[in-house]
Amino acid sequence: MTAQFPPPVPESEPRLLSHEELEAALRDIGARRYHNLHPFHRLLHDGQLSKDQVRAWA
């Protein structure tokens, strides 16, 4: 589910993304990089960290 960015425009100024293109690109980035996907976040919310690890994070 990767958003397709429009090909570069060979002009001196690149064109702006449409509302729909921008939203699709941001949703794609969020789906791949949102903090809930980070291994530390998963361990924290699964209760698998030690108290010292949580203290270091806080």
Protein backbone atom coordinates (compact mmCIF):
# COMPACT_ATOMS: atom_id res chain seq x y z
CA MET A 1 0.00 0.00 0.00
CA THR A 2 2.62 2.49 -1.07
CA ALA A 3 1.42 5.86 -2.26
CA GLN A 4 2.54 6.66 -5.75
CA PHE A 5 4.21 10.03 -5.96
CA PRO A 6 3.78 11.80 -9.26
CA PRO A 7 6.87 11.76 -11.48
CA PRO A 8 9.12 14.81 -11.26
CA VAL A 9 8.12 17.66 -13.52
CA PRO A 10 11.05 18.81 -15.67
CA GLU A 11 10.31 22.45 -14.95
CA SER A 12 12.26 24.92 -12.90
CA GLU A 13 9.56 24.77 -10.21
CA PRO A 14 8.06 21.44 -9.19
CA ARG A 15 4.28 21.32 -9.13
CA LEU A 16 2.42 21.10 -5.86
CA LEU A 17 0.68 17.87 -4.96
CA SER A 18 -3.07 17.87 -5.15
CA HIS A 19 -5.01 17.53 -1.90
CA GLU A 20 -5.64 13.86 -2.68
CA GLU A 21 -2.00 13.16 -3.60
CA LEU A 22 -0.71 14.87 -0.46
CA GLU A 23 -3.17 13.00 1.76
CA ALA A 24 -2.23 9.66 0.17
CA ALA A 25 1.48 10.38 0.62
CA LEU A 26 1.06 11.39 4.27
CA ARG A 27 -1.12 8.36 5.02
CA ASP A 28 1.50 6.10 3.45
CA ILE A 29 4.27 7.64 5.57
CA GLY A 30 2.11 7.31 8.67
CA ALA A 31 1.30 3.68 7.94
CA ARG A 32 4.99 2.84 7.62
CA ARG A 33 6.57 5.11 10.24
CA TYR A 34 4.02 5.88 12.96
CA HIS A 35 5.46 5.54 16.47
CA ASN A 36 3.19 2.62 17.39
CA LEU A 37 5.21 0.45 14.99
CA HIS A 38 8.50 1.08 16.80
CA PRO A 39 9.77 -2.02 18.64
CA PHE A 40 10.21 -0.08 21.91
CA HIS A 41 6.61 1.17 21.76
CA ARG A 42 5.36 -2.37 21.22
CA LEU A 43 7.39 -3.70 24.15
CA LEU A 44 6.16 -0.87 26.38
CA HIS A 45 2.50 -1.46 25.62
CA ASP A 46 2.85 -5.24 25.79
CA GLY A 47 4.24 -4.91 29.33
CA GLN A 48 7.56 -6.49 28.41
CA LEU A 49 9.89 -3.75 29.66
CA SER A 50 11.58 -3.72 33.03
CA LYS A 51 10.90 -0.90 35.48
CA ASP A 52 14.38 0.45 34.77
CA GLN A 53 13.69 0.55 31.03
CA VAL A 54 10.45 2.46 31.61
CA ARG A 55 12.22 4.85 33.99
CA ALA A 56 14.93 5.50 31.39
CA TRP A 57 12.25 6.21 28.79
CA ALA A 58 10.30 8.54 31.12
